Amino acid sequence: MKLKQFRIILFLIVVLMGTVLSFAFSIGNPTLAVSVFLAGAAAIYLCKSRVEGVVEDERVYQIGQKASHVTLRIVILGLAIGGVVLISMKDLYPGYTDFGFFMAYASCGILVLYSLFYKHYNREYGG
């Protein structure tokens, strides 16, 4: 299968999944939603494995790494600042204090997880 054919099939699978998922949500059937999601993911995986030629190379991986690293930094910073703001406004909005602590703890948890993965991959790839 050529890359252009794969993109057309991918578009059709995503449209079909979106249609069936919206129907499943509207009738309140989570089983149908999960099964459609899993079937769509499997169909996309099978189609991608049949694509001839280079689909991804080192440049794509490097761009993905840089994009996810910047996204991680923005999310951590947003959670930390949002948590600090909500915690500091506990006198005005006491109902949001718990959510502020959750955001602060989530940012700390993500940083710890990032550090552990960094240490693991640093050892694995000879750093």
C-alpha atoms as a PDB file:
ATOM      1  CA  MET A   1       0.000   0.000   0.000  1.00  0.00           C
ATOM      2  CA  LYS A   2       1.291   3.428  -0.890  1.00  0.00           C
ATOM      3  CA  LEU A   3       1.501   6.262   1.621  1.00  0.00           C
ATOM      4  CA  LYS A   4      -1.241   8.233  -0.154  1.00  0.00           C
ATOM      5  CA  GLN A   5      -3.616   5.251   0.051  1.00  0.00           C
ATOM      6  CA  PHE A   6      -2.776   4.856   3.730  1.00  0.00           C
ATOM      7  CA  ARG A   7      -3.654   8.486   4.420  1.00  0.00           C
ATOM      8  CA  ILE A   8      -7.015   8.130   2.664  1.00  0.00           C
ATOM      9  CA  ILE A   9      -7.817   4.929   4.567  1.00  0.00           C
ATOM     10  CA  LEU A  10      -6.670   6.537   7.812  1.00  0.00           C
ATOM     11  CA  PHE A  11      -8.993   9.483   7.201  1.00  0.00           C
ATOM     12  CA  LEU A  12     -11.922   7.160   6.530  1.00  0.00           C
ATOM     13  CA  ILE A  13     -11.208   5.088   9.650  1.00  0.00           C
ATOM     14  CA  VAL A  14     -11.022   8.219  11.818  1.00  0.00           C
ATOM     15  CA  VAL A  15     -14.267   9.613  10.374  1.00  0.00           C
ATOM     16  CA  LEU A  16     -16.033   6.288  10.916  1.00  0.00           C
ATOM     17  CA  MET A  17     -14.667   6.038  14.457  1.00  0.00           C
ATOM     18  CA  GLY A  18     -15.777   9.588  15.245  1.00  0.00           C
ATOM     19  CA  THR A  19     -19.260   8.910  13.940  1.00  0.00           C
ATOM     20  CA  VAL A  20     -19.723   5.673  15.849  1.00  0.00           C
ATOM     21  CA  LEU A  21     -18.119   7.069  19.010  1.00  0.00           C
ATOM     22  CA  SER A  22     -20.436  10.080  19.009  1.00  0.00           C
ATOM     23  CA  PHE A  23     -23.399   7.733  18.525  1.00  0.00           C
ATOM     24  CA  ALA A  24     -22.176   5.510  21.366  1.00  0.00           C
ATOM     25  CA  PHE A  25     -21.812   8.503  23.672  1.00  0.00           C
ATOM     26  CA  SER A  26     -25.225   9.855  22.738  1.00  0.00           C
ATOM     27  CA  ILE A  27     -26.955   6.575  23.617  1.00  0.00           C
ATOM     28  CA  GLY A  28     -24.776   6.090  26.696  1.00  0.00           C
ATOM     29  CA  ASN A  29     -23.123   2.817  25.674  1.00  0.00           C
ATOM     30  CA  PRO A  30     -19.523   2.731  26.950  1.00  0.00           C
ATOM     31  CA  THR A  31     -18.992  -0.850  25.755  1.00  0.00           C
ATOM     32  CA  LEU A  32     -19.629   0.156  22.157  1.00  0.00           C
ATOM     33  CA  ALA A  33     -17.352   3.189  22.532  1.00  0.00           C
ATOM     34  CA  VAL A  34     -14.438   1.166  23.908  1.00  0.00           C
ATOM     35  CA  SER A  35     -14.838  -1.604  21.341  1.00  0.00           C
ATOM     36  CA  VAL A  36     -14.981   0.883  18.446  1.00  0.00           C
ATOM     37  CA  PHE A  37     -11.892   2.657  19.760  1.00  0.00           C
ATOM     38  CA  LEU A  38      -9.935  -0.595  20.081  1.00  0.00           C
ATOM     39  CA  ALA A  39     -11.102  -1.847  16.670  1.00  0.00           C
ATOM     40  CA  GLY A  40     -10.120   1.458  15.051  1.00  0.00           C
ATOM     41  CA  ALA A  41      -6.705   1.415  16.696  1.00  0.00           C
ATOM     42  CA  ALA A  42      -6.148  -2.157  15.510  1.00  0.00           C
ATOM     43  CA  ALA A  43      -7.248  -1.276  11.967  1.00  0.00           C
ATOM     44  CA  ILE A  44      -4.888   1.698  11.866  1.00  0.00           C
ATOM     45  CA  TYR A  45      -2.022  -0.452  13.159  1.00  0.00           C
ATOM     46  CA  LEU A  46      -2.661  -3.137  10.549  1.00  0.00           C
ATOM     47  CA  CYS A  47      -2.872  -0.599   7.742  1.00  0.00           C
ATOM     48  CA  LYS A  48       0.302   1.144   8.875  1.00  0.00           C
ATOM     49  CA  SER A  49       2.225  -2.121   8.937  1.00  0.00           C
ATOM     50  CA  ARG A  50       1.360  -2.685   5.249  1.00  0.00           C
ATOM     51  CA  VAL A  51       2.654   0.661   4.028  1.00  0.00           C
ATOM     52  CA  GLU A  52       5.563   0.307   1.628  1.00  0.00           C
ATOM     53  CA  GLY A  53       8.533   2.633   1.805  1.00  0.00           C
ATOM     54  CA  VAL A  54       9.774   4.899   4.542  1.00  0.00           C
ATOM     55  CA  VAL A  55       6.990   6.176   6.777  1.00  0.00           C
ATOM     56  CA  GLU A  56       9.109   7.381   9.679  1.00  0.00           C
ATOM     57  CA  ASP A  57      12.804   8.100   9.861  1.00  0.00           C
ATOM     58  CA  GLU A  58      15.258   9.582  12.354  1.00  0.00           C
ATOM     59  CA  ARG A  59      14.162  13.129  11.538  1.00  0.00           C
ATOM     60  CA  VAL A  60      10.544  12.331  12.438  1.00  0.00           C
ATOM     61  CA  TYR A  61      11.664  10.784  15.720  1.00  0.00           C
ATOM     62  CA  GLN A  62      13.866  13.762  16.559  1.00  0.00           C
ATOM     63  CA  ILE A  63      11.064  16.233  15.815  1.00  0.00           C
ATOM     64  CA  GLY A  64       8.708  14.160  17.989  1.00  0.00           C
ATOM     65  CA  GLN A  65      11.223  14.132  20.824  1.00  0.00           C
ATOM     66  CA  LYS A  66      11.658  17.902  20.719  1.00  0.00           C
ATOM     67  CA  ALA A  67       7.919  18.527  20.497  1.00  0.00           C
ATOM     68  CA  SER A  68       7.129  16.217  23.409  1.00  0.00           C
ATOM     69  CA  HIS A  69       9.924  17.718  25.519  1.00  0.00           C
ATOM     70  CA  VAL A  70       8.581  21.247  25.010  1.00  0.00           C
ATOM     71  CA  THR A  71       5.022  20.024  25.671  1.00  0.00           C
ATOM     72  CA  LEU A  72       6.184  18.379  28.892  1.00  0.00           C
ATOM     73  CA  ARG A  73       7.837  21.592  30.044  1.00  0.00           C
ATOM     74  CA  ILE A  74       4.731  23.650  29.294  1.00  0.00           C
ATOM     75  CA  VAL A  75       2.414  21.190  31.083  1.00  0.00           C
ATOM     76  CA  ILE A  76       4.632  21.000  34.164  1.00  0.00           C
ATOM     77  CA  LEU A  77       4.964  24.775  34.309  1.00  0.00           C
ATOM     78  CA  GLY A  78       1.219  25.258  33.825  1.00  0.00           C
ATOM     79  CA  LEU A  79       0.344  22.753  36.530  1.00  0.00           C
ATOM     80  CA  ALA A  80       2.857  24.247  38.962  1.00  0.00           C
ATOM     81  CA  ILE A  81       1.796  27.860  38.391  1.00  0.00           C
ATOM     82  CA  GLY A  82      -1.905  26.943  38.399  1.00  0.00           C
ATOM     83  CA  GLY A  83      -1.478  25.001  41.625  1.00  0.00           C
ATOM     84  CA  VAL A  84       0.364  27.847  43.323  1.00  0.00           C
ATOM     85  CA  VAL A  85      -2.261  30.374  42.206  1.00  0.00           C
ATOM     86  CA  LEU A  86      -5.171  28.244  43.396  1.00  0.00           C
ATOM     87  CA  ILE A  87      -3.494  27.468  46.713  1.00  0.00           C
ATOM     88  CA  SER A  88      -2.646  31.125  47.298  1.00  0.00           C
ATOM     89  CA  MET A  89      -6.272  32.141  46.630  1.00  0.00           C
ATOM     90  CA  LYS A  90      -7.631  29.831  49.324  1.00  0.00           C
ATOM     91  CA  ASP A  91      -9.251  32.740  51.190  1.00  0.00           C
ATOM     92  CA  LEU A  92     -11.228  33.903  48.146  1.00  0.00           C
ATOM     93  CA  TYR A  93     -12.002  30.475  46.634  1.00  0.00           C
ATOM     94  CA  PRO A  94     -11.666  27.788  49.319  1.00  0.00           C
ATOM     95  CA  GLY A  95     -13.303  25.166  47.103  1.00  0.00           C
ATOM     96  CA  TYR A  96     -10.389  25.207  44.661  1.00  0.00           C
ATOM     97  CA  THR A  97      -7.649  24.621  47.226  1.00  0.00           C
ATOM     98  CA  ASP A  98      -7.778  20.848  46.861  1.00  0.00           C
ATOM     99  CA  PHE A  99      -7.549  21.133  43.090  1.00  0.00           C
ATOM    100  CA  GLY A 100      -4.558  23.446  43.519  1.00  0.00           C
ATOM    101  CA  PHE A 101      -2.801  20.858  45.668  1.00  0.00           C
ATOM    102  CA  PHE A 102      -3.665  18.198  43.094  1.00  0.00           C
ATOM    103  CA  MET A 103      -2.093  20.319  40.344  1.00  0.00           C
ATOM    104  CA  ALA A 104       1.024  20.945  42.428  1.00  0.00           C
ATOM    105  CA  TYR A 105       1.401  17.269  43.331  1.00  0.00           C
ATOM    106  CA  ALA A 106       0.791  16.260  39.704  1.00  0.00           C
ATOM    107  CA  SER A 107       3.587  18.535  38.523  1.00  0.00           C
ATOM    108  CA  CYS A 108       5.924  17.054  41.133  1.00  0.00           C
ATOM    109  CA  GLY A 109       4.893  13.530  40.152  1.00  0.00           C
ATOM    110  CA  ILE A 110       5.531  14.223  36.478  1.00  0.00           C
ATOM    111  CA  LEU A 111       8.964  15.630  37.323  1.00  0.00           C
ATOM    112  CA  VAL A 112       9.836  12.530  39.356  1.00  0.00           C
ATOM    113  CA  LEU A 113       8.609  10.253  36.564  1.00  0.00           C
ATOM    114  CA  TYR A 114      10.602  12.226  34.006  1.00  0.00           C
ATOM    115  CA  SER A 115      13.724  11.956  36.169  1.00  0.00           C
ATOM    116  CA  LEU A 116      13.324   8.198  36.524  1.00  0.00           C
ATOM    117  CA  PHE A 117      12.856   7.684  32.788  1.00  0.00           C
ATOM    118  CA  TYR A 118      15.778   9.984  32.038  1.00  0.00           C
ATOM    119  CA  LYS A 119      17.999   8.006  34.374  1.00  0.00           C
ATOM    120  CA  HIS A 120      16.848   4.699  32.855  1.00  0.00           C
ATOM    121  CA  TYR A 121      17.413   5.750  29.241  1.00  0.00           C
ATOM    122  CA  ASN A 122      20.691   7.409  30.124  1.00  0.00           C
ATOM    123  CA  ARG A 123      21.963   4.073  31.450  1.00  0.00           C
ATOM    124  CA  GLU A 124      20.453   2.099  28.573  1.00  0.00           C
ATOM    125  CA  TYR A 125      22.026   4.217  25.842  1.00  0.00           C
ATOM    126  CA  GLY A 126      25.397   4.574  27.543  1.00  0.00           C
ATOM    127  CA  GLY A 127      25.300   8.011  29.095  1.00  0.00           C
END
